[in-house]
PDB file of all heavy atoms in Angstrom:
ATOM      1  N   THR A   1     108.771  48.319 147.865  1.00  0.00           N
ATOM      2  CA  THR A   1     108.014  49.549 148.047  1.00  0.00           C
ATOM      3  C   THR A   1     107.153  49.824 146.819  1.00  0.00           C
ATOM      4  O   THR A   1     107.716  49.977 145.738  1.00  0.00           O
ATOM      5  CB  THR A   1     108.964  50.729 148.286  1.00  0.00           C
ATOM      6  OG1 THR A   1     109.815  50.408 149.366  1.00  0.00           O
ATOM      7  CG2 THR A   1     108.219  51.994 148.588  1.00  0.00           C
ATOM      8  N   PRO A   2     105.862  49.888 146.951  1.00  0.00           N
ATOM      9  CA  PRO A   2     105.054  49.564 148.123  1.00  0.00           C
ATOM     10  C   PRO A   2     104.959  48.044 148.289  1.00  0.00           C
ATOM     11  O   PRO A   2     105.145  47.303 147.326  1.00  0.00           O
ATOM     12  CB  PRO A   2     103.681  50.160 147.801  1.00  0.00           C
ATOM     13  CG  PRO A   2     103.600  50.126 146.305  1.00  0.00           C
ATOM     14  CD  PRO A   2     105.015  50.326 145.813  1.00  0.00           C
ATOM     15  N   PRO A   3     104.663  47.583 149.492  1.00  0.00           N
ATOM     16  CA  PRO A   3     104.523  46.143 149.715  1.00  0.00           C
ATOM     17  C   PRO A   3     103.437  45.571 148.797  1.00  0.00           C
ATOM     18  O   PRO A   3     102.394  46.198 148.614  1.00  0.00           O
ATOM     19  CB  PRO A   3     104.098  46.041 151.177  1.00  0.00           C
ATOM     20  CG  PRO A   3     104.467  47.345 151.789  1.00  0.00           C
ATOM     21  CD  PRO A   3     104.424  48.362 150.701  1.00  0.00           C
ATOM     22  N   ASN A   4     103.707  44.420 148.184  1.00  0.00           N
ATOM     23  CA  ASN A   4     102.738  43.888 147.231  1.00  0.00           C
ATOM     24  C   ASN A   4     102.457  42.396 147.400  1.00  0.00           C
ATOM     25  O   ASN A   4     101.618  41.844 146.704  1.00  0.00           O
ATOM     26  CB  ASN A   4     103.198  44.173 145.797  1.00  0.00           C
ATOM     27  CG  ASN A   4     104.613  43.705 145.549  1.00  0.00           C
ATOM     28  OD1 ASN A   4     105.015  42.626 145.971  1.00  0.00           O
ATOM     29  ND2 ASN A   4     105.387  44.532 144.868  1.00  0.00           N
ATOM     30  N   GLY A   5     103.163  41.702 148.268  1.00  0.00           N
ATOM     31  CA  GLY A   5     102.941  40.278 148.471  1.00  0.00           C
ATOM     32  C   GLY A   5     103.516  39.398 147.385  1.00  0.00           C
ATOM     33  O   GLY A   5     103.436  38.181 147.461  1.00  0.00           O
ATOM     34  N   VAL A   6     104.096  40.003 146.357  1.00  0.00           N
ATOM     35  CA  VAL A   6     104.693  39.244 145.257  1.00  0.00           C
ATOM     36  C   VAL A   6     106.170  38.996 145.514  1.00  0.00           C
ATOM     37  O   VAL A   6     106.682  37.904 145.297  1.00  0.00           O
ATOM     38  CB  VAL A   6     104.492  39.974 143.903  1.00  0.00           C
ATOM     39  CG1 VAL A   6     105.168  39.226 142.768  1.00  0.00           C
ATOM     40  CG2 VAL A   6     103.011  40.173 143.627  1.00  0.00           C
ATOM     41  N   LEU A   7     106.868  40.013 145.999  1.00  0.00           N
ATOM     42  CA  LEU A   7     108.301  39.922 146.300  1.00  0.00           C
ATOM     43  C   LEU A   7     108.511  39.901 147.809  1.00  0.00           C
ATOM     44  O   LEU A   7     107.728  40.471 148.566  1.00  0.00           O
ATOM     45  CB  LEU A   7     109.048  41.107 145.690  1.00  0.00           C
ATOM     46  CG  LEU A   7     109.028  41.189 144.166  1.00  0.00           C
ATOM     47  CD1 LEU A   7     109.493  42.560 143.708  1.00  0.00           C
ATOM     48  CD2 LEU A   7     109.897  40.107 143.566  1.00  0.00           C
ATOM     49  N   LYS A   8     109.603  39.288 148.225  1.00  0.00           N
ATOM     50  CA  LYS A   8     109.887  39.134 149.657  1.00  0.00           C
ATOM     51  C   LYS A   8     110.982  40.099 150.117  1.00  0.00           C
ATOM     52  O   LYS A   8     112.025  40.213 149.478  1.00  0.00           O
ATOM     53  CB  LYS A   8     110.318  37.692 149.924  1.00  0.00           C
ATOM     54  CG  LYS A   8     110.567  37.410 151.371  1.00  0.00           C
ATOM     55  CD  LYS A   8     110.946  35.963 151.594  1.00  0.00           C
ATOM     56  CE  LYS A   8     111.155  35.776 153.086  1.00  0.00           C
ATOM     57  NZ  LYS A   8     111.691  34.530 153.444  1.00  0.00           N
ATOM     58  N   ASP A   9     110.753  40.770 151.258  1.00  0.00           N
ATOM     59  CA  ASP A   9     111.787  41.603 151.889  1.00  0.00           C
ATOM     60  C   ASP A   9     112.875  40.698 152.454  1.00  0.00           C
ATOM     61  O   ASP A   9     112.640  39.533 152.756  1.00  0.00           O
ATOM     62  CB  ASP A   9     111.206  42.420 153.047  1.00  0.00           C
ATOM     63  CG  ASP A   9     110.165  43.431 152.611  1.00  0.00           C
ATOM     64  OD1 ASP A   9     110.052  43.693 151.395  1.00  0.00           O
ATOM     65  OD2 ASP A   9     109.460  43.955 153.476  1.00  0.00           O
ATOM     66  N   THR A  10     114.073  41.256 152.636  1.00  0.00           N
ATOM     67  CA  THR A  10     115.168  40.501 153.243  1.00  0.00           C
ATOM     68  C   THR A  10     116.132  41.474 153.921  1.00  0.00           C
ATOM     69  O   THR A  10     116.031  42.675 153.745  1.00  0.00           O
ATOM     70  CB  THR A  10     115.894  39.621 152.197  1.00  0.00           C
ATOM     71  OG1 THR A  10     116.804  38.759 152.857  1.00  0.00           O
ATOM     72  CG2 THR A  10     116.655  40.460 151.187  1.00  0.00           C
ATOM     73  N   SER A  11     117.057  40.948 154.689  1.00  0.00           N
ATOM     74  CA  SER A  11     118.072  41.788 155.335  1.00  0.00           C
ATOM     75  C   SER A  11     119.323  40.968 155.558  1.00  0.00           C
ATOM     76  O   SER A  11     119.313  39.738 155.424  1.00  0.00           O
ATOM     77  CB  SER A  11     117.549  42.334 156.666  1.00  0.00           C
ATOM     78  OG  SER A  11     117.267  41.278 157.546  1.00  0.00           O
ATOM     79  N   GLY A  12     120.420  41.652 155.902  1.00  0.00           N
ATOM     80  CA  GLY A  12     121.676  40.940 156.112  1.00  0.00           C
ATOM     81  C   GLY A  12     122.723  41.792 156.789  1.00  0.00           C
ATOM     82  O   GLY A  12     122.478  42.938 157.173  1.00  0.00           O
ATOM     83  N   TYR A  13     123.916  41.206 156.893  1.00  0.00           N
ATOM     84  CA  TYR A  13     125.035  41.812 157.603  1.00  0.00           C
ATOM     85  C   TYR A  13     126.287  41.673 156.757  1.00  0.00           C
ATOM     86  O   TYR A  13     126.558  40.600 156.212  1.00  0.00           O
ATOM     87  CB  TYR A  13     125.218  41.092 158.942  1.00  0.00           C
ATOM     88  CG  TYR A  13     126.360  41.583 159.766  1.00  0.00           C
ATOM     89  CD1 TYR A  13     126.288  42.788 160.448  1.00  0.00           C
ATOM     90  CD2 TYR A  13     127.531  40.847 159.868  1.00  0.00           C
ATOM     91  CE1 TYR A  13     127.334  43.245 161.205  1.00  0.00           C
ATOM     92  CE2 TYR A  13     128.592  41.291 160.627  1.00  0.00           C
ATOM     93  CZ  TYR A  13     128.488  42.495 161.296  1.00  0.00           C
ATOM     94  OH  TYR A  13     129.548  42.949 162.041  1.00  0.00           O
ATOM     95  N   MET A  14     127.022  42.741 156.623  1.00  0.00           N
ATOM     96  CA  MET A  14     128.267  42.833 155.864  1.00  0.00           C
ATOM     97  C   MET A  14     127.997  42.660 154.359  1.00  0.00           C
ATOM     98  O   MET A  14     126.875  42.553 153.927  1.00  0.00           O
ATOM     99  CB  MET A  14     129.319  41.838 156.365  1.00  0.00           C
ATOM    100  CG  MET A  14     129.781  42.147 157.795  1.00  0.00           C
ATOM    101  SD  MET A  14     130.442  43.820 158.034  1.00  0.00           S
ATOM    102  CE  MET A  14     132.053  43.685 157.299  1.00  0.00           C
ATOM    103  N   ASP A  15     129.073  42.658 153.570  1.00  0.00           N
ATOM    104  CA  ASP A  15     128.953  42.573 152.115  1.00  0.00           C
ATOM    105  C   ASP A  15     128.375  41.228 151.696  1.00  0.00           C
ATOM    106  O   ASP A  15     128.690  40.195 152.288  1.00  0.00           O
ATOM    107  CB  ASP A  15     130.318  42.738 151.458  1.00  0.00           C
ATOM    108  CG  ASP A  15     130.905  44.125 151.655  1.00  0.00           C
ATOM    109  OD1 ASP A  15     130.155  45.048 152.043  1.00  0.00           O
ATOM    110  OD2 ASP A  15     132.113  44.293 151.408  1.00  0.00           O
ATOM    111  N   ASN A  16     127.537  41.262 150.647  1.00  0.00           N
ATOM    112  CA  ASN A  16     126.992  40.033 150.084  1.00  0.00           C
ATOM    113  C   ASN A  16     126.792  40.269 148.591  1.00  0.00           C
ATOM    114  O   ASN A  16     126.037  41.153 148.198  1.00  0.00           O
ATOM    115  CB  ASN A  16     125.665  39.670 150.757  1.00  0.00           C
ATOM    116  CG  ASN A  16     125.170  38.304 150.360  1.00  0.00           C
ATOM    117  OD1 ASN A  16     125.545  37.768 149.317  1.00  0.00           O
ATOM    118  ND2 ASN A  16     124.314  37.734 151.184  1.00  0.00           N
ATOM    119  N   VAL A  17     127.477  39.495 147.767  1.00  0.00           N
ATOM    120  CA  VAL A  17     127.375  39.667 146.317  1.00  0.00           C
ATOM    121  C   VAL A  17     126.305  38.761 145.703  1.00  0.00           C
ATOM    122  O   VAL A  17     126.159  38.723 144.487  1.00  0.00           O
ATOM    123  CB  VAL A  17     128.735  39.436 145.622  1.00  0.00           C
ATOM    124  CG1 VAL A  17     129.743  40.493 146.065  1.00  0.00           C
ATOM    125  CG2 VAL A  17     129.249  38.040 145.886  1.00  0.00           C
ATOM    126  N   ALA A  18     125.565  38.033 146.540  1.00  0.00           N
ATOM    127  CA  ALA A  18     124.518  37.134 146.040  1.00  0.00           C
ATOM    128  C   ALA A  18     123.286  37.169 146.948  1.00  0.00           C
ATOM    129  O   ALA A  18     122.847  36.146 147.460  1.00  0.00           O
ATOM    130  CB  ALA A  18     125.054  35.724 145.910  1.00  0.00           C
ATOM    131  N   VAL A  19     122.717  38.352 147.130  1.00  0.00           N
ATOM    132  CA  VAL A  19     121.513  38.505 147.946  1.00  0.00           C
ATOM    133  C   VAL A  19     120.329  37.992 147.118  1.00  0.00           C
ATOM    134  O   VAL A  19     120.064  38.510 146.031  1.00  0.00           O
ATOM    135  CB  VAL A  19     121.274  39.976 148.330  1.00  0.00           C
ATOM    136  CG1 VAL A  19     119.971  40.137 149.085  1.00  0.00           C
ATOM    137  CG2 VAL A  19     122.452  40.512 149.124  1.00  0.00           C
ATOM    138  N   PRO A  20     119.604  36.986 147.601  1.00  0.00           N
ATOM    139  CA  PRO A  20     118.468  36.489 146.825  1.00  0.00           C
ATOM    140  C   PRO A  20     117.258  37.418 146.921  1.00  0.00           C
ATOM    141  O   PRO A  20     116.874  37.832 148.003  1.00  0.00           O
ATOM    142  CB  PRO A  20     118.173  35.130 147.468  1.00  0.00           C
ATOM    143  CG  PRO A  20     118.696  35.239 148.864  1.00  0.00           C
ATOM    144  CD  PRO A  20     119.843  36.207 148.815  1.00  0.00           C
ATOM    145  N   VAL A  21     116.716  37.766 145.773  1.00  0.00           N
ATOM    146  CA  VAL A  21     115.457  38.509 145.697  1.00  0.00           C
ATOM    147  C   VAL A  21     114.459  37.508 145.131  1.00  0.00           C
ATOM    148  O   VAL A  21     114.642  36.988 144.029  1.00  0.00           O
ATOM    149  CB  VAL A  21     115.578  39.753 144.796  1.00  0.00           C
ATOM    150  CG1 VAL A  21     114.246  40.470 144.686  1.00  0.00           C
ATOM    151  CG2 VAL A  21     116.662  40.685 145.324  1.00  0.00           C
ATOM    152  N   ARG A  22     113.388  37.233 145.892  1.00  0.00           N
ATOM    153  CA  ARG A  22     112.484  36.130 145.547  1.00  0.00           C
ATOM    154  C   ARG A  22     111.069  36.603 145.208  1.00  0.00           C
ATOM    155  O   ARG A  22     110.511  37.444 145.890  1.00  0.00           O
ATOM    156  CB  ARG A  22     112.380  35.157 146.711  1.00  0.00           C
ATOM    157  CG  ARG A  22     113.690  34.533 147.106  1.00  0.00           C
ATOM    158  CD  ARG A  22     113.494  33.569 148.276  1.00  0.00           C
ATOM    159  NE  ARG A  22     114.743  33.142 148.850  1.00  0.00           N
ATOM    160  CZ  ARG A  22     115.545  32.218 148.330  1.00  0.00           C
ATOM    161  NH1 ARG A  22     115.214  31.626 147.211  1.00  0.00           N
ATOM    162  NH2 ARG A  22     116.674  31.887 148.923  1.00  0.00           N
ATOM    163  N   VAL A  23     110.520  35.958 144.182  1.00  0.00           N
ATOM    164  CA  VAL A  23     109.096  36.081 143.895  1.00  0.00           C
ATOM    165  C   VAL A  23     108.419  35.010 144.725  1.00  0.00           C
ATOM    166  O   VAL A  23     108.736  33.825 144.618  1.00  0.00           O
ATOM    167  CB  VAL A  23     108.796  35.859 142.396  1.00  0.00           C
ATOM    168  CG1 VAL A  23     107.300  35.784 142.154  1.00  0.00           C
ATOM    169  CG2 VAL A  23     109.417  36.957 141.558  1.00  0.00           C
ATOM    170  N   ILE A  24     107.492  35.431 145.606  1.00  0.00           N
ATOM    171  CA  ILE A  24     106.859  34.450 146.487  1.00  0.00           C
ATOM    172  C   ILE A  24     105.429  34.103 146.087  1.00  0.00           C
ATOM    173  O   ILE A  24     104.940  33.031 146.423  1.00  0.00           O
ATOM    174  CB  ILE A  24     106.904  34.892 147.967  1.00  0.00           C
ATOM    175  CG1 ILE A  24     106.284  36.265 148.148  1.00  0.00           C
ATOM    176  CG2 ILE A  24     108.321  34.850 148.488  1.00  0.00           C
ATOM    177  CD1 ILE A  24     106.138  36.693 149.597  1.00  0.00           C
ATOM    178  N   ASP A  25     104.731  35.000 145.340  1.00  0.00           N
ATOM    179  CA  ASP A  25     103.341  34.695 144.998  1.00  0.00           C
ATOM    180  C   ASP A  25     102.875  35.546 143.824  1.00  0.00           C
ATOM    181  O   ASP A  25     102.390  36.667 144.022  1.00  0.00           O
ATOM    182  CB  ASP A  25     102.441  34.912 146.219  1.00  0.00           C
ATOM    183  CG  ASP A  25     101.043  34.372 146.002  1.00  0.00           C
ATOM    184  OD1 ASP A  25     100.741  33.890 144.889  1.00  0.00           O
ATOM    185  OD2 ASP A  25     100.248  34.435 146.961  1.00  0.00           O
ATOM    186  N   ARG A  26     103.000  35.019 142.604  1.00  0.00           N
ATOM    187  CA  ARG A  26     102.558  35.753 141.414  1.00  0.00           C
ATOM    188  C   ARG A  26     101.037  35.907 141.361  1.00  0.00           C
ATOM    189  O   ARG A  26     100.529  36.774 140.665  1.00  0.00           O
ATOM    190  CB  ARG A  26     103.053  35.044 140.154  1.00  0.00           C
ATOM    191  CG  ARG A  26     104.465  35.395 139.766  1.00  0.00           C
ATOM    192  CD  ARG A  26     104.781  34.806 138.386  1.00  0.00           C
ATOM    193  NE  ARG A  26     105.972  35.376 137.814  1.00  0.00           N
ATOM    194  CZ  ARG A  26     107.194  34.908 137.993  1.00  0.00           C
ATOM    195  NH1 ARG A  26     107.390  33.854 138.760  1.00  0.00           N
ATOM    196  NH2 ARG A  26     108.221  35.487 137.413  1.00  0.00           N
ATOM    197  N   SER A  27     100.307  35.072 142.076  1.00  0.00           N
ATOM    198  CA  SER A  27      98.838  35.161 142.022  1.00  0.00           C
ATOM    199  C   SER A  27      98.333  36.486 142.613  1.00  0.00           C
ATOM    200  O   SER A  27      97.192  36.871 142.371  1.00  0.00           O
ATOM    201  CB  SER A  27      98.198  33.979 142.764  1.00  0.00           C
ATOM    202  OG  SER A  27      98.416  34.087 144.158  1.00  0.00           O
ATOM    203  N   LYS A  28      99.164  37.188 143.355  1.00  0.00           N
ATOM    204  CA  LYS A  28      98.767  38.472 143.938  1.00  0.00           C
ATOM    205  C   LYS A  28      98.964  39.644 142.967  1.00  0.00           C
ATOM    206  O   LYS A  28      98.655  40.778 143.300  1.00  0.00           O
ATOM    207  CB  LYS A  28      99.540  38.729 145.225  1.00  0.00           C
ATOM    208  CG  LYS A  28      99.157  37.737 146.319  1.00  0.00           C
ATOM    209  CD  LYS A  28      99.841  38.037 147.616  1.00  0.00           C
ATOM    210  CE  LYS A  28      99.388  37.027 148.665  1.00  0.00           C
ATOM    211  NZ  LYS A  28     100.086  37.175 149.921  1.00  0.00           N
ATOM    212  N   MET A  29      99.446  39.341 141.770  1.00  0.00           N
ATOM    213  CA  MET A  29      99.613  40.392 140.761  1.00  0.00           C
ATOM    214  C   MET A  29      98.255  40.748 140.178  1.00  0.00           C
ATOM    215  O   MET A  29      97.461  39.865 139.862  1.00  0.00           O
ATOM    216  CB  MET A  29     100.570  39.923 139.658  1.00  0.00           C
ATOM    217  CG  MET A  29     101.996  39.762 140.119  1.00  0.00           C
ATOM    218  SD  MET A  29     103.108  39.035 138.885  1.00  0.00           S
ATOM    219  CE  MET A  29     102.992  40.188 137.539  1.00  0.00           C
ATOM    220  N   SER A  30      97.993  42.045 140.016  1.00  0.00           N
ATOM    221  CA  SER A  30      96.702  42.486 139.484  1.00  0.00           C
ATOM    222  C   SER A  30      96.676  42.480 137.958  1.00  0.00           C
ATOM    223  O   SER A  30      95.613  42.590 137.359  1.00  0.00           O
ATOM    224  CB  SER A  30      96.365  43.877 140.012  1.00  0.00           C
ATOM    225  OG  SER A  30      97.369  44.793 139.613  1.00  0.00           O
ATOM    226  N   GLY A  31      97.827  42.359 137.335  1.00  0.00           N
ATOM    227  CA  GLY A  31      97.904  42.337 135.872  1.00  0.00           C
ATOM    228  C   GLY A  31      98.979  41.366 135.417  1.00  0.00           C
ATOM    229  O   GLY A  31      99.493  40.569 136.202  1.00  0.00           O
TER     230      GLY A  31
END
């Protein structure tokens, strides 16, 4: 939030102690 194209949304079910949060495209960063 807000969507930026740099990080990826994800979802899941039940407890997870290792949810991956990924950088998908640094070239979309403005700075």
